[in-house]
Amino acid sequence: MDDELSRADFTGLSDEHRRLSIQTLYAGLGARYRELESTIYDARGYRQSFAKFAADYPVLLSTCHSLRRNLPSGQLLDYLIIDEASQVDLLAAGAALSSCRNLVVVGDLQQLPHIANDAARDTVAPLPAYDYNKHSILSSLRALYQEQLASTLLREHYRCEPAIIGFCNKSFYQGRLVPFTQSEVERPMIVWRTAEGNHMRQHQGGGRSNQREVDVIVNEVIPQNCAGVSRTDIGVVTPYRRQANKVTHAFVEEIEKIDADTVHKYQGRQKDVMVMTTVLDETWRGQTGLQFVDDPHLINVAVSRAAKKFILVTNHDLLSKSRHIRDLIDYIGYQDLGGGVSDSEVVSIFDLLYRRYSERLGSLAARLRNELKYRSEDIAWTVLHDVLGESPYRHLAVSSQVLVRNLLADVERLTPRQASYVAHRASVDFVVYNRVSNRPLLAIEVDGFAYHKNNPAQLERDSLKNEILHAYGLPLLRLPTTGSGEEQKIRTALDQADAHWVQVATQGSDL
């Protein structure tokens, strides 16, 4: 018997079973509809002849919210199947239940629950099992009927790589799932950690983001791990909406954009490659988000969205105080023979603002000029002198805190509001100019997060400055302290500014 089992082609048998099942389904559909007269229904007509409509189309698709109003008055469905039931709240489910004779609920209590509507949070439940804030339709039925409720666990798993679903199986399903997939990918699970530093930012209007993790995804994770994978087969998932938006913006110029969304929005979906960005760091402010990010339901959904490869992008200390994320990291390390963690090469000169930073910045730290008031500007000031010492840029020099008025030949192009701003001694942090002709080449601003990105008043002033310099054709480079790769950005901006002024001179512009 053992010898017979060892020779069995389970993969071939499974494929054959799937092929025959599809053939049987198509044959049944053909036998049912081949002799039926084709009828076209409109929005009004299907209600008036609903019995014939239901005979022609015995399976209907709808949301719980719209089902009741799309059925004729008094009409009941024989069976209602509610999918992803852990995310269906009791109010929406109640409206749908009024439309059926029999109910089948399909869902997973180990995945994310519904998000309660604020308008209904104060509703008083007649029984604990009907608590709108606590229960979905799935958990409510469980609480109400307990062991009397007939239930079946769908144990067979056909979607994810064995290693990927293996983590979820061990962590959340007590080993009850049976994977029916075979490994096809080398290193199906990877941890990618950022360089030292506190890279998370909490926004004044709510939410959190981590630009460094976005830069790591764009510059390292996707190029090094997704060769030959279509952008439509790659997803980025995160607990935070602001972070999802940042990732989306980072790929905005691509024809095929990578789909980035929150974990809650990804439930029920999948991608061949899923990248998760955790956003948090080890600061006390980062720790306040750990209960949300480390939630077992959220981690289960995020990991199991990946069909072939899962990549976790997280902070340098690997969220040491987490529980489920740490389990995930340790699991990946075990699967990869003790490895599994890749260290990012993406750093920023402004990492020197943190107590801990990459040792690769040690040389820069030792060379800081300590000539300017703010450390962030002094770091940029030092790097600018380094870059301008390179052969292509030795004809250039740089000045700090230059008044905008001194950069303009006149103020005739300014609106009254812009002119007022300039008159109040508006300045730019740095101006790179030709040391022979003294002609300005490029303006540079250093944007600290708290003072700029998280300050609506300063954002408005920054916008004014952008408009003024654009009106007079002076290129501007903004260096956010949450970014990375500043030296190369400076070189690229200098080259582009030089090309800009050559074009201006060729066109004979008076800029």
Protein backbone atom coordinates (compact mmCIF):
# COMPACT_ATOMS: atom_id res chain seq x y z
CA MET A 1 0.00 0.00 0.00
CA ASP A 2 2.80 2.47 0.90
CA ASP A 3 4.56 1.68 -2.37
CA GLU A 4 1.35 2.29 -4.32
CA LEU A 5 0.80 5.61 -2.57
CA SER A 6 4.39 6.71 -3.26
CA ARG A 7 3.83 6.16 -7.00
CA ALA A 8 0.53 8.03 -7.09
CA ASP A 9 0.48 11.22 -9.15
CA PHE A 10 -1.59 13.39 -6.81
CA THR A 11 -0.91 16.58 -8.77
CA GLY A 12 -2.02 14.94 -12.01
CA LEU A 13 -5.09 13.43 -10.38
CA SER A 14 -6.03 16.80 -8.88
CA ASP A 15 -5.64 18.52 -12.26
CA GLU A 16 -7.70 15.81 -13.93
CA HIS A 17 -10.40 16.10 -11.25
CA ARG A 18 -10.54 19.86 -11.77
CA ARG A 19 -10.73 19.47 -15.58
CA LEU A 20 -13.54 16.92 -15.38
CA SER A 21 -15.47 19.04 -12.87
CA ILE A 22 -15.37 22.02 -15.23
CA GLN A 23 -16.47 19.85 -18.15
CA THR A 24 -19.37 18.50 -16.08
CA LEU A 25 -20.44 22.02 -15.12
CA TYR A 26 -20.32 23.26 -18.72
CA ALA A 27 -22.23 20.21 -19.91
CA GLY A 28 -24.93 20.82 -17.30
CA LEU A 29 -25.22 24.49 -18.27
CA GLY A 30 -25.42 23.56 -21.92
CA ALA A 31 -28.17 21.01 -21.30
CA ARG A 32 -30.16 23.55 -19.27
CA TYR A 33 -29.94 26.55 -21.57
CA ARG A 34 -29.57 25.05 -25.04
CA GLU A 35 -33.32 24.76 -25.63
CA LEU A 36 -34.41 27.87 -23.68
CA GLU A 37 -35.69 30.88 -25.52
CA SER A 38 -33.46 33.90 -25.08
CA THR A 39 -35.28 36.68 -23.24
CA ILE A 40 -33.97 40.20 -22.66
CA TYR A 41 -35.07 41.79 -19.39
CA ASP A 42 -34.92 45.45 -18.44
CA ALA A 43 -34.99 47.05 -14.99
CA ARG A 44 -38.79 47.12 -14.89
CA GLY A 45 -39.59 43.97 -16.84
CA TYR A 46 -37.72 41.46 -14.69
CA ARG A 47 -39.85 42.42 -11.68
CA GLN A 48 -43.11 41.93 -13.55
CA SER A 49 -42.12 38.43 -14.71
CA PHE A 50 -39.83 37.44 -11.86
CA ALA A 51 -40.73 33.72 -11.91
CA LYS A 52 -39.53 33.39 -15.52
CA PHE A 53 -36.55 35.63 -14.81
CA ALA A 54 -35.51 33.42 -11.88
CA ALA A 55 -35.93 30.29 -14.02
CA ASP A 56 -33.66 31.79 -16.67
CA TYR A 57 -31.16 33.10 -14.11
CA PRO A 58 -31.44 30.94 -10.98
CA VAL A 59 -28.30 32.43 -9.38
CA LEU A 60 -28.36 36.15 -8.59
CA LEU A 61 -25.48 38.32 -7.36
CA SER A 62 -26.13 41.26 -5.05
CA THR A 63 -24.88 43.13 -2.03
CA CYS A 64 -26.69 42.70 1.26
CA HIS A 65 -27.67 46.37 1.15
CA SER A 66 -29.36 46.26 -2.26
CA LEU A 67 -30.89 42.78 -2.32
CA ARG A 68 -34.23 43.64 -0.69
CA ARG A 69 -35.03 46.62 -2.89
CA ASN A 70 -34.12 44.73 -6.07
CA LEU A 71 -36.64 41.94 -5.44
CA PRO A 72 -40.36 42.32 -6.19
CA SER A 73 -42.50 42.91 -3.11
CA GLY A 74 -43.23 39.67 -1.23
CA GLN A 75 -40.71 37.64 -3.21
CA LEU A 76 -38.43 35.26 -1.29
CA LEU A 77 -35.32 33.50 -2.54
CA ASP A 78 -35.00 29.78 -1.84
CA TYR A 79 -31.43 30.14 -0.61
CA LEU A 80 -29.32 33.13 0.32
CA ILE A 81 -25.54 32.64 0.48
CA ILE A 82 -23.66 35.41 2.31
CA ASP A 83 -19.96 35.33 1.43
CA GLU A 84 -17.17 37.05 3.45
CA ALA A 85 -19.69 36.98 6.29
CA SER A 86 -17.21 38.07 8.97
CA GLN A 87 -17.32 41.54 7.39
CA VAL A 88 -21.12 41.75 7.08
CA ASP A 89 -22.68 43.75 9.92
CA LEU A 90 -26.00 42.83 11.49
CA LEU A 91 -27.97 45.72 10.01
CA ALA A 92 -27.00 44.89 6.42
CA ALA A 93 -27.49 41.18 7.07
CA GLY A 94 -30.91 41.75 8.63
CA ALA A 95 -32.14 43.48 5.50
CA ALA A 96 -30.87 40.60 3.35
CA LEU A 97 -32.30 37.88 5.62
CA SER A 98 -35.78 39.24 5.03
CA SER A 99 -35.43 38.04 1.43
CA CYS A 100 -34.79 34.31 1.88
CA ARG A 101 -36.25 31.03 3.12
CA ASN A 102 -32.89 29.34 3.80
CA LEU A 103 -29.52 30.82 4.71
CA VAL A 104 -25.94 29.69 4.09
CA VAL A 105 -23.24 31.81 5.72
CA VAL A 106 -19.69 31.55 4.38
CA GLY A 107 -16.95 33.27 6.33
CA ASP A 108 -13.91 33.02 8.54
CA LEU A 109 -13.82 34.26 12.14
CA GLN A 110 -10.02 34.32 11.92
CA GLN A 111 -10.23 37.12 9.34
CA LEU A 112 -11.11 40.77 9.82
CA PRO A 113 -14.50 41.66 11.33
CA HIS A 114 -16.78 44.43 10.09
CA ILE A 115 -16.14 48.07 10.97
CA ALA A 116 -19.12 49.43 12.91
CA ASN A 117 -20.90 52.46 11.50
CA ASP A 118 -20.53 55.41 13.88
CA ALA A 119 -24.21 56.30 13.50
CA ALA A 120 -25.25 52.93 14.91
CA ARG A 121 -22.66 52.49 17.66
CA ASP A 122 -25.06 53.54 20.42
CA THR A 123 -27.70 50.96 19.43
CA VAL A 124 -28.78 48.89 22.47
CA ALA A 125 -28.86 45.16 21.69
CA PRO A 126 -31.81 43.08 23.06
CA LEU A 127 -29.40 40.17 23.60
CA PRO A 128 -25.57 39.98 23.64
CA ALA A 129 -25.62 37.87 20.46
CA TYR A 130 -27.29 40.79 18.63
CA ASP A 131 -24.66 43.37 19.64
CA TYR A 132 -24.06 45.38 16.45
CA ASN A 133 -20.68 46.70 17.57
CA LYS A 134 -19.33 43.31 18.58
CA HIS A 135 -20.80 40.89 16.07
CA SER A 136 -20.90 40.24 12.36
CA ILE A 137 -23.66 38.00 11.01
CA LEU A 138 -21.22 35.07 11.25
CA SER A 139 -20.17 35.59 14.87
CA SER A 140 -23.73 36.50 15.86
CA LEU A 141 -25.10 33.18 14.61
CA ARG A 142 -22.25 31.39 16.36
CA ALA A 143 -23.02 33.14 19.64
CA LEU A 144 -26.77 32.60 19.29
CA TYR A 145 -26.86 28.89 18.33
CA GLN A 146 -23.39 27.70 19.40
CA GLU A 147 -22.95 23.95 18.78
CA GLN A 148 -26.50 23.57 17.45
CA LEU A 149 -25.49 25.45 14.31
CA ALA A 150 -24.48 23.09 11.52
CA SER A 151 -21.05 24.13 10.24
CA THR A 152 -18.32 22.79 7.95
CA LEU A 153 -14.66 23.81 7.87
CA LEU A 154 -13.34 24.13 4.33
CA ARG A 155 -10.01 22.47 5.11
CA GLU A 156 -8.62 22.00 1.62
CA HIS A 157 -6.49 24.95 0.51
CA TYR A 158 -5.60 25.40 -3.17
CA ARG A 159 -4.45 29.03 -3.43
CA CYS A 160 -1.25 29.90 -1.55
CA GLU A 161 2.27 28.51 -1.60
CA PRO A 162 2.57 25.84 1.13
CA ALA A 163 4.99 27.96 3.18
CA ILE A 164 2.67 30.97 3.08
CA ILE A 165 -0.48 29.20 4.14
CA GLY A 166 1.65 27.16 6.53
CA PHE A 167 2.20 30.22 8.71
CA CYS A 168 -1.52 31.00 8.84
CA ASN A 169 -2.33 27.34 9.46
CA LYS A 170 0.01 27.11 12.45
CA SER A 171 -0.79 30.54 13.87
CA PHE A 172 -4.55 30.83 13.45
CA TYR A 173 -6.12 27.50 12.43
CA GLN A 174 -4.45 25.04 14.84
CA GLY A 175 -3.07 23.07 11.88
CA ARG A 176 -6.51 22.06 10.62
CA LEU A 177 -5.98 23.24 7.01
CA VAL A 178 -4.68 20.84 4.37
CA PRO A 179 -2.61 22.61 1.67
CA PHE A 180 -3.08 21.09 -1.80
CA THR A 181 -0.44 23.25 -3.47
CA GLN A 182 3.19 22.51 -4.24
CA SER A 183 6.08 24.94 -3.85
CA GLU A 184 6.98 26.66 -7.13
CA VAL A 185 8.90 29.73 -5.91
CA GLU A 186 12.36 30.07 -4.41
CA ARG A 187 12.16 32.01 -1.13
CA PRO A 188 8.36 32.46 -1.09
CA MET A 189 8.60 34.53 2.11
CA ILE A 190 11.08 37.35 2.78
CA VAL A 191 11.57 40.01 5.44
CA TRP A 192 13.01 43.34 4.28
CA ARG A 193 14.03 45.70 7.07
CA THR A 194 14.81 49.38 6.76
CA ALA A 195 18.02 51.05 7.93
CA GLU A 196 18.26 52.35 11.48
CA GLY A 197 16.19 55.39 12.35
CA ASN A 198 12.67 56.42 13.31
CA HIS A 199 10.91 56.62 9.97
CA MET A 200 7.23 56.56 10.93
CA ARG A 201 5.28 59.83 10.93
CA GLN A 202 1.92 60.52 12.57
CA HIS A 203 -0.17 63.06 10.69
CA GLN A 204 -2.00 65.99 12.21
CA GLY A 205 -5.23 65.08 10.44
CA GLY A 206 -4.98 61.45 11.53
CA GLY A 207 -3.25 58.37 10.20
CA ARG A 208 0.36 57.27 9.90
CA SER A 209 2.86 56.81 7.11
CA ASN A 210 6.44 55.69 6.59
CA GLN A 211 8.13 57.15 3.52
CA ARG A 212 11.26 55.06 4.04
CA GLU A 213 9.31 51.83 3.69
CA VAL A 214 7.77 53.22 0.50
CA ASP A 215 11.25 54.04 -0.87
CA VAL A 216 12.46 50.54 0.01
CA ILE A 217 9.51 48.98 -1.82
CA VAL A 218 10.02 51.14 -4.91
CA ASN A 219 13.82 50.99 -5.13
CA GLU A 220 14.65 47.53 -3.78
CA VAL A 221 11.80 45.13 -3.10
CA ILE A 222 9.98 45.36 -6.44
CA PRO A 223 13.10 45.52 -8.69
CA GLN A 224 14.92 42.70 -6.87
CA ASN A 225 12.03 40.31 -6.25
CA CYS A 226 9.51 40.83 -9.01
CA ALA A 227 11.46 40.42 -12.23
CA GLY A 228 9.13 39.08 -14.89
CA VAL A 229 6.03 39.59 -12.74
CA SER A 230 3.33 41.77 -14.27
CA ARG A 231 2.53 44.87 -12.22
CA THR A 232 -1.10 43.75 -12.15
CA ASP A 233 -0.02 40.61 -10.27
CA ILE A 234 1.74 42.59 -7.51
CA GLY A 235 -0.05 44.11 -4.53
CA VAL A 236 1.05 46.24 -1.60
CA VAL A 237 -0.95 45.96 1.60
CA THR A 238 -0.73 48.05 4.75
CA PRO A 239 -2.78 48.74 7.88
CA TYR A 240 -2.93 52.48 7.12
CA ARG A 241 -4.78 54.39 4.40
CA ARG A 242 -2.16 57.18 4.24
CA GLN A 243 0.56 54.62 3.57
CA ALA A 244 -1.47 52.97 0.82
CA ASN A 245 -1.93 56.37 -0.80
CA LYS A 246 1.82 57.05 -0.62
CA VAL A 247 2.60 53.78 -2.38
CA THR A 248 -0.02 54.48 -5.03
CA HIS A 249 1.47 57.95 -5.62
CA ALA A 250 4.97 56.45 -5.92
CA PHE A 251 3.84 54.38 -8.93
CA VAL A 252 1.58 57.04 -10.44
CA GLU A 253 3.68 57.43 -13.60
CA GLU A 254 3.65 53.72 -14.47
CA ILE A 255 1.30 52.52 -17.19
CA GLU A 256 0.50 49.38 -15.18
CA LYS A 257 0.25 50.61 -11.61
CA ILE A 258 0.82 48.39 -8.61
CA ASP A 259 -2.36 48.07 -6.59
CA ALA A 260 -1.88 49.34 -3.02
CA ASP A 261 -4.64 49.22 -0.42
CA THR A 262 -5.38 48.64 3.25
CA VAL A 263 -5.61 45.13 4.68
CA HIS A 264 -9.35 45.65 5.27
CA LYS A 265 -9.89 46.45 1.58
CA TYR A 266 -7.80 43.47 0.44
CA GLN A 267 -9.88 40.87 2.27
CA GLY A 268 -11.36 38.50 -0.30
CA ARG A 269 -8.73 39.40 -2.91
CA GLN A 270 -5.31 38.03 -3.83
CA LYS A 271 -2.14 38.76 -5.82
CA ASP A 272 0.73 36.51 -6.90
CA VAL A 273 3.14 38.74 -4.97
CA MET A 274 2.04 40.65 -1.88
CA VAL A 275 4.23 43.21 -0.11
CA MET A 276 3.19 44.28 3.39
CA THR A 277 4.46 47.55 4.86
CA THR A 278 3.93 47.71 8.63
CA VAL A 279 4.64 51.50 8.94
CA LEU A 280 5.43 51.48 12.69
CA ASP A 281 8.81 52.12 14.33
CA GLU A 282 10.12 51.59 17.86
CA THR A 283 9.30 55.07 19.23
CA TRP A 284 6.66 55.45 21.94
CA ARG A 285 4.35 56.90 19.30
CA GLY A 286 4.94 53.86 17.13
CA GLN A 287 4.17 51.57 20.04
CA THR A 288 0.72 53.14 20.37
CA GLY A 289 -0.20 51.63 17.00
CA LEU A 290 1.05 48.14 17.77
CA GLN A 291 -2.24 46.74 19.06
CA PHE A 292 -3.89 47.67 15.75
CA VAL A 293 -1.10 46.51 13.43
CA ASP A 294 -0.31 43.30 15.36
CA ASP A 295 -3.94 42.16 15.43
CA PRO A 296 -4.05 38.43 14.52
CA HIS A 297 -7.00 38.85 12.15
CA LEU A 298 -5.15 41.61 10.25
CA ILE A 299 -1.93 39.59 9.99
CA ASN A 300 -3.82 36.50 8.85
CA VAL A 301 -5.55 38.39 6.04
CA ALA A 302 -2.40 40.27 4.95
CA VAL A 303 -0.26 37.13 4.66
CA SER A 304 -2.89 34.92 3.04
CA ARG A 305 -3.50 37.43 0.20
CA ALA A 306 -0.21 36.23 -1.35
CA ALA A 307 -0.51 33.30 -3.74
CA LYS A 308 3.19 32.82 -4.59
CA LYS A 309 5.37 35.27 -2.65
CA PHE A 310 4.98 37.34 0.52
CA ILE A 311 7.43 40.12 1.43
CA LEU A 312 7.26 41.89 4.80
CA VAL A 313 8.78 45.39 4.86
CA THR A 314 9.28 46.58 8.41
CA ASN A 315 11.54 48.63 10.66
CA HIS A 316 15.14 47.81 11.54
CA ASP A 317 14.34 46.40 15.00
CA LEU A 318 11.66 44.14 13.48
CA LEU A 319 8.91 45.46 15.78
CA SER A 320 10.51 43.70 18.71
CA LYS A 321 7.52 44.21 21.05
CA SER A 322 5.00 42.67 18.65
CA ARG A 323 3.63 39.16 19.04
CA HIS A 324 2.20 37.96 15.72
CA ILE A 325 4.60 39.96 13.52
CA ARG A 326 7.54 38.58 15.49
CA ASP A 327 6.11 35.07 15.04
CA LEU A 328 5.85 35.77 11.31
CA ILE A 329 9.46 37.01 11.13
CA ASP A 330 10.75 34.01 13.09
CA TYR A 331 8.70 31.65 10.90
CA ILE A 332 10.16 33.18 7.73
CA GLY A 333 13.67 32.85 9.19
CA TYR A 334 13.07 29.20 9.99
CA GLN A 335 11.74 28.51 6.49
CA ASP A 336 14.83 30.18 5.01
CA LEU A 337 17.29 28.13 7.12
CA GLY A 338 17.84 30.87 9.65
CA GLY A 339 18.01 33.66 7.06
CA GLY A 340 14.99 35.36 5.57
CA VAL A 341 15.89 38.92 6.57
CA SER A 342 17.35 41.28 3.97
CA ASP A 343 18.81 44.61 5.09
CA SER A 344 17.87 47.64 3.01
CA GLU A 345 20.60 49.78 1.47
CA VAL A 346 18.30 52.80 1.27
CA VAL A 347 19.50 55.57 3.60
CA SER A 348 19.03 59.31 3.93
CA ILE A 349 21.54 61.97 4.92
CA PHE A 350 18.84 63.14 7.34
CA ASP A 351 19.05 59.84 9.22
CA LEU A 352 21.78 61.69 11.13
CA LEU A 353 18.93 63.51 12.89
CA TYR A 354 18.16 60.27 14.76
CA ARG A 355 20.03 58.87 17.73
CA ARG A 356 20.67 55.67 15.78
CA TYR A 357 21.60 55.65 12.10
CA SER A 358 23.34 53.40 9.59
CA GLU A 359 27.10 53.05 10.00
CA ARG A 360 27.34 53.97 6.32
CA LEU A 361 26.63 57.56 7.39
CA GLY A 362 29.53 57.62 9.85
CA SER A 363 31.86 59.43 7.44
CA LEU A 364 29.28 62.15 6.76
CA ALA A 365 28.62 62.55 10.48
CA ALA A 366 32.33 63.18 11.04
CA ARG A 367 32.44 65.82 8.27
CA LEU A 368 29.47 67.96 9.30
CA ARG A 369 30.44 71.61 9.01
CA ASN A 370 28.36 72.83 11.96
CA GLU A 371 27.98 76.24 10.34
CA LEU A 372 24.17 76.61 10.17
CA LYS A 373 21.54 77.02 12.87
CA TYR A 374 19.47 73.93 12.13
CA ARG A 375 21.07 70.49 12.03
CA SER A 376 18.96 69.37 9.06
CA GLU A 377 20.17 72.34 7.01
CA ASP A 378 23.76 71.84 8.16
CA ILE A 379 23.61 68.22 6.95
CA ALA A 380 22.35 69.36 3.53
CA TRP A 381 24.93 72.19 3.51
CA THR A 382 27.74 69.65 4.04
CA VAL A 383 26.46 67.31 1.32
CA LEU A 384 26.05 70.21 -1.12
CA HIS A 385 29.69 71.15 -0.65
CA ASP A 386 30.66 67.49 -1.20
CA VAL A 387 28.68 67.30 -4.46
CA LEU A 388 29.92 70.68 -5.73
CA GLY A 389 33.45 69.44 -5.16
CA GLU A 390 32.94 66.78 -7.82
CA SER A 391 34.40 67.41 -11.27
CA PRO A 392 31.15 68.15 -13.19
CA TYR A 393 30.04 70.79 -10.66
CA ARG A 394 33.23 72.63 -9.66
CA HIS A 395 32.12 75.74 -11.54
CA LEU A 396 29.22 76.05 -9.11
CA ALA A 397 28.93 77.47 -5.59
CA VAL A 398 26.17 77.59 -2.99
CA SER A 399 24.77 80.21 -0.59
CA SER A 400 22.35 79.71 2.29
CA GLN A 401 19.24 81.66 3.33
CA VAL A 402 18.91 83.73 0.17
CA LEU A 403 16.02 86.23 -0.01
CA VAL A 404 13.58 85.39 -2.79
CA ARG A 405 13.50 89.08 -3.79
CA ASN A 406 17.22 88.92 -4.61
CA LEU A 407 16.56 86.10 -7.07
CA LEU A 408 14.02 88.08 -9.13
CA ALA A 409 14.85 90.67 -11.77
CA ASP A 410 11.52 92.37 -11.02
CA VAL A 411 8.20 91.69 -9.30
CA GLU A 412 5.95 92.36 -12.28
CA ARG A 413 4.88 88.73 -12.69
CA LEU A 414 3.72 88.38 -9.10
CA THR A 415 0.16 88.51 -7.86
CA PRO A 416 -0.52 90.90 -4.95
CA ARG A 417 -0.48 87.95 -2.55
CA GLN A 418 2.83 86.66 -3.92
CA ALA A 419 4.34 90.16 -3.86
CA SER A 420 3.33 90.55 -0.22
CA TYR A 421 4.96 87.22 0.64
CA VAL A 422 8.22 88.25 -1.05
CA ALA A 423 8.17 91.64 0.67
CA HIS A 424 8.08 89.94 4.07
CA ARG A 425 11.64 88.62 3.58
CA ALA A 426 10.75 85.19 2.22
CA SER A 427 13.88 83.15 1.63
CA VAL A 428 15.06 79.83 0.26
CA ASP A 429 17.39 77.57 2.23
CA PHE A 430 20.05 77.27 -0.48
CA VAL A 431 20.79 78.65 -3.93
CA VAL A 432 23.36 77.01 -6.21
CA TYR A 433 24.82 79.51 -8.67
CA ASN A 434 27.56 79.82 -11.29
CA ARG A 435 30.61 81.12 -9.46
CA VAL A 436 31.77 83.02 -12.59
CA SER A 437 28.55 84.70 -13.77
CA ASN A 438 26.77 84.61 -10.38
CA ARG A 439 23.65 83.42 -12.21
CA PRO A 440 21.34 81.29 -10.00
CA LEU A 441 21.05 77.72 -11.24
CA LEU A 442 18.93 75.90 -8.66
CA ALA A 443 17.04 76.67 -5.43
CA ILE A 444 16.95 74.00 -2.72
CA GLU A 445 14.62 73.70 0.27
CA VAL A 446 14.95 71.31 3.22
CA ASP A 447 11.45 70.27 4.36
CA GLY A 448 11.15 68.93 7.88
CA PHE A 449 7.98 66.89 8.44
CA ALA A 450 6.67 68.72 11.51
CA TYR A 451 7.39 72.19 10.12
CA HIS A 452 6.30 71.53 6.55
CA LYS A 453 4.26 68.41 5.72
CA ASN A 454 2.37 68.40 9.01
CA ASN A 455 1.82 72.19 9.11
CA PRO A 456 -1.02 73.51 6.90
CA ALA A 457 0.11 77.16 7.25
CA GLN A 458 3.65 76.33 6.13
CA LEU A 459 2.33 74.19 3.29
CA GLU A 460 0.48 77.25 2.02
CA ARG A 461 3.68 79.33 2.19
CA ASP A 462 5.59 76.58 0.41
CA SER A 463 2.98 76.61 -2.34
CA LEU A 464 3.43 80.36 -2.75
CA LYS A 465 7.18 79.96 -3.02
CA ASN A 466 6.76 77.20 -5.62
CA GLU A 467 4.49 79.46 -7.70
CA ILE A 468 6.89 82.41 -7.53
CA LEU A 469 10.00 80.47 -8.56
CA HIS A 470 8.04 78.71 -11.31
CA ALA A 471 6.83 82.07 -12.66
CA TYR A 472 10.44 83.20 -13.01
CA GLY A 473 11.70 79.89 -14.34
CA LEU A 474 14.06 79.07 -11.45
CA PRO A 475 14.19 75.29 -10.80
CA LEU A 476 13.47 74.21 -7.22
CA LEU A 477 14.47 71.00 -5.46
CA ARG A 478 12.71 70.08 -2.23
CA LEU A 479 14.47 67.63 0.07
CA PRO A 480 12.04 66.23 2.65
CA THR A 481 13.78 64.94 5.77
CA THR A 482 11.66 61.77 5.47
CA GLY A 483 13.09 60.93 2.04
CA SER A 484 16.22 59.12 0.89
CA GLY A 485 18.96 59.16 -1.75
CA GLU A 486 19.52 62.91 -1.46
CA GLU A 487 23.01 63.03 -3.01
CA GLN A 488 21.78 61.52 -6.26
CA LYS A 489 18.69 63.72 -6.20
CA ILE A 490 20.95 66.78 -5.94
CA ARG A 491 23.10 65.63 -8.86
CA THR A 492 20.03 64.91 -10.98
CA ALA A 493 18.49 68.29 -10.14
CA LEU A 494 21.74 70.10 -11.01
CA ASP A 495 21.96 68.32 -14.37
CA GLN A 496 18.31 69.05 -15.15
CA ALA A 497 18.67 72.70 -14.09
CA ASP A 498 21.72 73.10 -16.33
CA ALA A 499 19.78 71.64 -19.28
CA HIS A 500 16.90 73.96 -18.44
CA TRP A 501 19.07 77.08 -18.60
CA VAL A 502 20.68 75.93 -21.85
CA GLN A 503 17.21 75.60 -23.34
CA VAL A 504 16.24 79.04 -22.03
CA ALA A 505 19.33 80.59 -23.61
CA THR A 506 18.67 78.78 -26.91
CA GLN A 507 15.08 80.06 -27.02
CA GLY A 508 16.20 83.58 -26.20
CA SER A 509 13.91 83.81 -23.17
CA ASP A 510 14.19 86.79 -20.84
CA LEU A 511 13.86 84.58 -17.74
